[in-house]
Amino acid sequence: MWSFAIEEMVQEINRFAQRTLVPAYYEYTPGLLLVKSEVWHLEQSIIWRNERKDFLDYIMPETAQRSGVALQIPLTYTCLFYSYIYLWNQQKDADTRQAMREFPLKINISYRDIAGQRHQVAFNLRVHLSYMRTPKDSTLSFEEYIEAQKVDPHTRTGRPE
């Protein structure tokens, strides 16, 4: 199951949009994200409650399958993250520009092994920018990487993976 501070992220994005005079508005109601933007010429609804759960058909043990399993990052998070980066970058006054906040994406994975035993593992995924560029046409391009931090369910502390 996926989770992140969606309400806080929406508030921060709307605050940046207002501060930078970008005509964009985001609204979150439980399970649904509404996006209205004249900048991106769109009005869309993303159904977060349907993205929160994802299913993997079959995972081999690490001894048999050395490669990782690909997970699709939820569209709700991707949309909000990209919007946050864009609007954060639109702030013109470097003196008042706040440091970029982190909004970790959390995933709790429950599974059963071949013997039917139930297991659970959790990760915090943090997105880090490694490059950002705004050319003269004002389109923003950036590259990022994701750091996965495994969370111990008993102590709620983590360590990078």
C-alpha atoms as a PDB file:
ATOM      1  CA  MET A   1       0.000   0.000   0.000  1.00  0.00           C
ATOM      2  CA  TRP A   2       1.296   3.462  -0.986  1.00  0.00           C
ATOM      3  CA  SER A   3       1.045   6.552   1.217  1.00  0.00           C
ATOM      4  CA  PHE A   4       2.461  10.063   1.464  1.00  0.00           C
ATOM      5  CA  ALA A   5       1.545  13.455   2.937  1.00  0.00           C
ATOM      6  CA  ILE A   6      -0.834  14.291   0.094  1.00  0.00           C
ATOM      7  CA  GLU A   7      -2.767  17.043   1.920  1.00  0.00           C
ATOM      8  CA  GLU A   8       0.454  18.862   2.893  1.00  0.00           C
ATOM      9  CA  MET A   9       1.812  18.561  -0.626  1.00  0.00           C
ATOM     10  CA  VAL A  10      -1.382  20.002  -2.145  1.00  0.00           C
ATOM     11  CA  GLN A  11      -1.320  22.925   0.316  1.00  0.00           C
ATOM     12  CA  GLU A  12       2.327  23.663  -0.488  1.00  0.00           C
ATOM     13  CA  ILE A  13       1.708  23.529  -4.256  1.00  0.00           C
ATOM     14  CA  ASN A  14      -1.300  25.856  -3.999  1.00  0.00           C
ATOM     15  CA  ARG A  15       0.748  28.257  -1.868  1.00  0.00           C
ATOM     16  CA  PHE A  16       3.548  28.322  -4.476  1.00  0.00           C
ATOM     17  CA  ALA A  17       1.022  28.779  -7.300  1.00  0.00           C
ATOM     18  CA  GLN A  18      -0.516  31.754  -5.507  1.00  0.00           C
ATOM     19  CA  ARG A  19       2.857  33.260  -4.594  1.00  0.00           C
ATOM     20  CA  THR A  20       4.193  32.949  -8.156  1.00  0.00           C
ATOM     21  CA  LEU A  21       0.890  33.963  -9.812  1.00  0.00           C
ATOM     22  CA  VAL A  22       0.746  30.715 -11.775  1.00  0.00           C
ATOM     23  CA  PRO A  23      -2.875  29.882 -12.668  1.00  0.00           C
ATOM     24  CA  ALA A  24      -3.025  26.401 -11.187  1.00  0.00           C
ATOM     25  CA  TYR A  25      -5.196  24.926  -8.455  1.00  0.00           C
ATOM     26  CA  TYR A  26      -5.088  21.523  -6.773  1.00  0.00           C
ATOM     27  CA  GLU A  27      -7.772  20.104  -4.546  1.00  0.00           C
ATOM     28  CA  TYR A  28      -7.696  16.906  -2.533  1.00  0.00           C
ATOM     29  CA  THR A  29     -10.785  15.222  -1.180  1.00  0.00           C
ATOM     30  CA  PRO A  30     -10.376  11.800   0.401  1.00  0.00           C
ATOM     31  CA  GLY A  31      -9.390   9.429  -2.381  1.00  0.00           C
ATOM     32  CA  LEU A  32      -9.473  11.986  -5.220  1.00  0.00           C
ATOM     33  CA  LEU A  33      -7.046  14.626  -6.536  1.00  0.00           C
ATOM     34  CA  LEU A  34      -8.427  17.393  -8.774  1.00  0.00           C
ATOM     35  CA  VAL A  35      -6.011  19.424 -10.878  1.00  0.00           C
ATOM     36  CA  LYS A  36      -6.952  22.587 -12.758  1.00  0.00           C
ATOM     37  CA  SER A  37      -4.222  24.416 -14.597  1.00  0.00           C
ATOM     38  CA  GLU A  38      -4.186  27.023 -17.322  1.00  0.00           C
ATOM     39  CA  VAL A  39      -0.405  26.607 -17.524  1.00  0.00           C
ATOM     40  CA  TRP A  40      -0.634  22.957 -18.559  1.00  0.00           C
ATOM     41  CA  HIS A  41      -4.045  23.396 -20.249  1.00  0.00           C
ATOM     42  CA  LEU A  42      -5.648  20.649 -18.267  1.00  0.00           C
ATOM     43  CA  GLU A  43      -8.341  19.749 -15.859  1.00  0.00           C
ATOM     44  CA  GLN A  44      -8.016  16.231 -14.514  1.00  0.00           C
ATOM     45  CA  SER A  45      -9.068  13.960 -11.697  1.00  0.00           C
ATOM     46  CA  ILE A  46      -6.787  11.253 -10.375  1.00  0.00           C
ATOM     47  CA  ILE A  47      -8.440   8.586  -8.265  1.00  0.00           C
ATOM     48  CA  TRP A  48      -5.895   8.127  -5.475  1.00  0.00           C
ATOM     49  CA  ARG A  49      -7.902   5.498  -3.613  1.00  0.00           C
ATOM     50  CA  ASN A  50      -7.507   3.172  -6.638  1.00  0.00           C
ATOM     51  CA  GLU A  51      -3.757   3.793  -6.857  1.00  0.00           C
ATOM     52  CA  ARG A  52      -3.008   3.166  -3.189  1.00  0.00           C
ATOM     53  CA  LYS A  53      -3.020  -0.598  -3.615  1.00  0.00           C
ATOM     54  CA  ASP A  54      -1.060  -2.479  -6.223  1.00  0.00           C
ATOM     55  CA  PHE A  55      -0.583  -6.179  -6.741  1.00  0.00           C
ATOM     56  CA  LEU A  56       2.378  -8.215  -7.905  1.00  0.00           C
ATOM     57  CA  ASP A  57       1.540 -11.556  -9.408  1.00  0.00           C
ATOM     58  CA  TYR A  58       4.571 -13.572  -8.358  1.00  0.00           C
ATOM     59  CA  ILE A  59       7.992 -12.812  -6.909  1.00  0.00           C
ATOM     60  CA  MET A  60      10.762 -15.379  -6.936  1.00  0.00           C
ATOM     61  CA  PRO A  61      13.101 -15.664  -3.952  1.00  0.00           C
ATOM     62  CA  GLU A  62      16.265 -13.574  -4.236  1.00  0.00           C
ATOM     63  CA  THR A  63      18.354 -16.709  -4.650  1.00  0.00           C
ATOM     64  CA  ALA A  64      16.438 -17.585  -7.833  1.00  0.00           C
ATOM     65  CA  GLN A  65      15.694 -14.087  -9.185  1.00  0.00           C
ATOM     66  CA  ARG A  66      18.636 -11.701  -8.833  1.00  0.00           C
ATOM     67  CA  SER A  67      16.978  -8.746 -10.565  1.00  0.00           C
ATOM     68  CA  GLY A  68      14.586  -6.437  -8.770  1.00  0.00           C
ATOM     69  CA  VAL A  69      10.869  -6.112  -9.305  1.00  0.00           C
ATOM     70  CA  ALA A  70       9.660  -2.945 -11.044  1.00  0.00           C
ATOM     71  CA  LEU A  71       7.068  -0.909  -9.201  1.00  0.00           C
ATOM     72  CA  GLN A  72       5.025   1.804 -10.858  1.00  0.00           C
ATOM     73  CA  ILE A  73       5.090   5.032  -8.888  1.00  0.00           C
ATOM     74  CA  PRO A  74       1.469   6.251  -8.473  1.00  0.00           C
ATOM     75  CA  LEU A  75       0.347   8.963 -10.895  1.00  0.00           C
ATOM     76  CA  THR A  76      -1.004  11.038  -7.989  1.00  0.00           C
ATOM     77  CA  TYR A  77       2.487  11.288  -6.480  1.00  0.00           C
ATOM     78  CA  THR A  78       4.187  11.876  -9.826  1.00  0.00           C
ATOM     79  CA  CYS A  79       1.775  14.656 -10.775  1.00  0.00           C
ATOM     80  CA  LEU A  80       2.160  16.404  -7.425  1.00  0.00           C
ATOM     81  CA  PHE A  81       5.949  15.968  -7.306  1.00  0.00           C
ATOM     82  CA  TYR A  82       6.486  17.428 -10.795  1.00  0.00           C
ATOM     83  CA  SER A  83       4.091  20.296 -10.056  1.00  0.00           C
ATOM     84  CA  TYR A  84       5.876  21.007  -6.788  1.00  0.00           C
ATOM     85  CA  ILE A  85       9.279  21.149  -8.529  1.00  0.00           C
ATOM     86  CA  TYR A  86       7.946  23.407 -11.293  1.00  0.00           C
ATOM     87  CA  LEU A  87       6.260  25.859  -8.928  1.00  0.00           C
ATOM     88  CA  TRP A  88       9.159  25.834  -6.462  1.00  0.00           C
ATOM     89  CA  ASN A  89      11.454  26.763  -9.352  1.00  0.00           C
ATOM     90  CA  GLN A  90       9.123  29.615 -10.427  1.00  0.00           C
ATOM     91  CA  GLN A  91       9.886  31.554  -7.251  1.00  0.00           C
ATOM     92  CA  LYS A  92      11.958  34.469  -8.459  1.00  0.00           C
ATOM     93  CA  ASP A  93      13.311  35.882  -5.236  1.00  0.00           C
ATOM     94  CA  ALA A  94      16.220  33.682  -4.196  1.00  0.00           C
ATOM     95  CA  ASP A  95      16.292  35.352  -0.760  1.00  0.00           C
ATOM     96  CA  THR A  96      12.766  34.209   0.110  1.00  0.00           C
ATOM     97  CA  ARG A  97      12.888  30.888  -1.754  1.00  0.00           C
ATOM     98  CA  GLN A  98      12.515  28.197   0.828  1.00  0.00           C
ATOM     99  CA  ALA A  99      14.519  25.013   0.754  1.00  0.00           C
ATOM    100  CA  MET A 100      12.808  22.271  -1.177  1.00  0.00           C
ATOM    101  CA  ARG A 101      10.775  20.050   1.137  1.00  0.00           C
ATOM    102  CA  GLU A 102      10.904  16.305   1.040  1.00  0.00           C
ATOM    103  CA  PHE A 103       7.688  14.386   0.623  1.00  0.00           C
ATOM    104  CA  PRO A 104       8.681  10.718   1.041  1.00  0.00           C
ATOM    105  CA  LEU A 105       6.535   8.144  -0.685  1.00  0.00           C
ATOM    106  CA  LYS A 106       5.945   5.189   1.604  1.00  0.00           C
ATOM    107  CA  ILE A 107       5.192   1.663   0.534  1.00  0.00           C
ATOM    108  CA  ASN A 108       4.129  -1.233   2.737  1.00  0.00           C
ATOM    109  CA  ILE A 109       4.413  -4.599   1.053  1.00  0.00           C
ATOM    110  CA  SER A 110       2.641  -7.657   2.411  1.00  0.00           C
ATOM    111  CA  TYR A 111       3.299 -11.075   0.932  1.00  0.00           C
ATOM    112  CA  ARG A 112       3.234 -14.790   1.647  1.00  0.00           C
ATOM    113  CA  ASP A 113       6.158 -17.089   1.127  1.00  0.00           C
ATOM    114  CA  ILE A 114       5.994 -20.517  -0.488  1.00  0.00           C
ATOM    115  CA  ALA A 115       5.019 -22.053   2.866  1.00  0.00           C
ATOM    116  CA  GLY A 116       2.101 -19.627   3.253  1.00  0.00           C
ATOM    117  CA  GLN A 117       3.785 -17.529   5.982  1.00  0.00           C
ATOM    118  CA  ARG A 118       2.778 -13.878   5.869  1.00  0.00           C
ATOM    119  CA  HIS A 119       5.546 -11.252   5.786  1.00  0.00           C
ATOM    120  CA  GLN A 120       5.609  -7.488   5.681  1.00  0.00           C
ATOM    121  CA  VAL A 121       8.264  -5.012   4.620  1.00  0.00           C
ATOM    122  CA  ALA A 122       8.121  -1.218   4.364  1.00  0.00           C
ATOM    123  CA  PHE A 123      10.183   1.375   2.512  1.00  0.00           C
ATOM    124  CA  ASN A 124      10.379   5.157   2.440  1.00  0.00           C
ATOM    125  CA  LEU A 125      11.237   6.365  -1.048  1.00  0.00           C
ATOM    126  CA  ARG A 126      12.848   9.788  -1.263  1.00  0.00           C
ATOM    127  CA  VAL A 127      13.273  11.603  -4.557  1.00  0.00           C
ATOM    128  CA  HIS A 128      16.482  13.633  -4.912  1.00  0.00           C
ATOM    129  CA  LEU A 129      17.133  16.050  -7.757  1.00  0.00           C
ATOM    130  CA  SER A 130      20.509  15.691  -9.391  1.00  0.00           C
ATOM    131  CA  TYR A 131      20.006  18.234 -12.183  1.00  0.00           C
ATOM    132  CA  MET A 132      17.586  21.051 -12.998  1.00  0.00           C
ATOM    133  CA  ARG A 133      17.578  23.408 -15.971  1.00  0.00           C
ATOM    134  CA  THR A 134      15.250  26.152 -17.165  1.00  0.00           C
ATOM    135  CA  PRO A 135      16.066  27.118 -20.760  1.00  0.00           C
ATOM    136  CA  LYS A 136      14.861  30.354 -22.388  1.00  0.00           C
ATOM    137  CA  ASP A 137      11.533  28.819 -23.411  1.00  0.00           C
ATOM    138  CA  SER A 138      10.910  28.349 -19.647  1.00  0.00           C
ATOM    139  CA  THR A 139      10.266  24.612 -19.826  1.00  0.00           C
ATOM    140  CA  LEU A 140      11.748  22.934 -16.819  1.00  0.00           C
ATOM    141  CA  SER A 141      13.814  19.815 -17.201  1.00  0.00           C
ATOM    142  CA  PHE A 142      15.361  17.851 -14.391  1.00  0.00           C
ATOM    143  CA  GLU A 143      16.739  14.477 -13.483  1.00  0.00           C
ATOM    144  CA  GLU A 144      16.220  12.711 -10.215  1.00  0.00           C
ATOM    145  CA  TYR A 145      17.040   9.515  -8.426  1.00  0.00           C
ATOM    146  CA  ILE A 146      15.128   7.614  -5.803  1.00  0.00           C
ATOM    147  CA  GLU A 147      16.639   6.516  -2.503  1.00  0.00           C
ATOM    148  CA  ALA A 148      14.917   3.558  -0.866  1.00  0.00           C
ATOM    149  CA  GLN A 149      15.127   3.346   2.905  1.00  0.00           C
ATOM    150  CA  LYS A 150      13.933   0.106   4.454  1.00  0.00           C
ATOM    151  CA  VAL A 151      11.848   0.679   7.568  1.00  0.00           C
ATOM    152  CA  ASP A 152      11.919  -1.740  10.468  1.00  0.00           C
ATOM    153  CA  PRO A 153       8.236  -2.310  11.348  1.00  0.00           C
ATOM    154  CA  HIS A 154       9.095  -2.877  15.026  1.00  0.00           C
ATOM    155  CA  THR A 155      11.192   0.241  15.664  1.00  0.00           C
ATOM    156  CA  ARG A 156       9.934   2.438  12.751  1.00  0.00           C
ATOM    157  CA  THR A 157      13.545   3.377  11.990  1.00  0.00           C
ATOM    158  CA  GLY A 158      15.141   2.902   8.645  1.00  0.00           C
ATOM    159  CA  ARG A 159      18.375   2.297   6.839  1.00  0.00           C
ATOM    160  CA  PRO A 160      19.263   3.031   3.183  1.00  0.00           C
ATOM    161  CA  GLU A 161      19.019   0.062   0.817  1.00  0.00           C
END
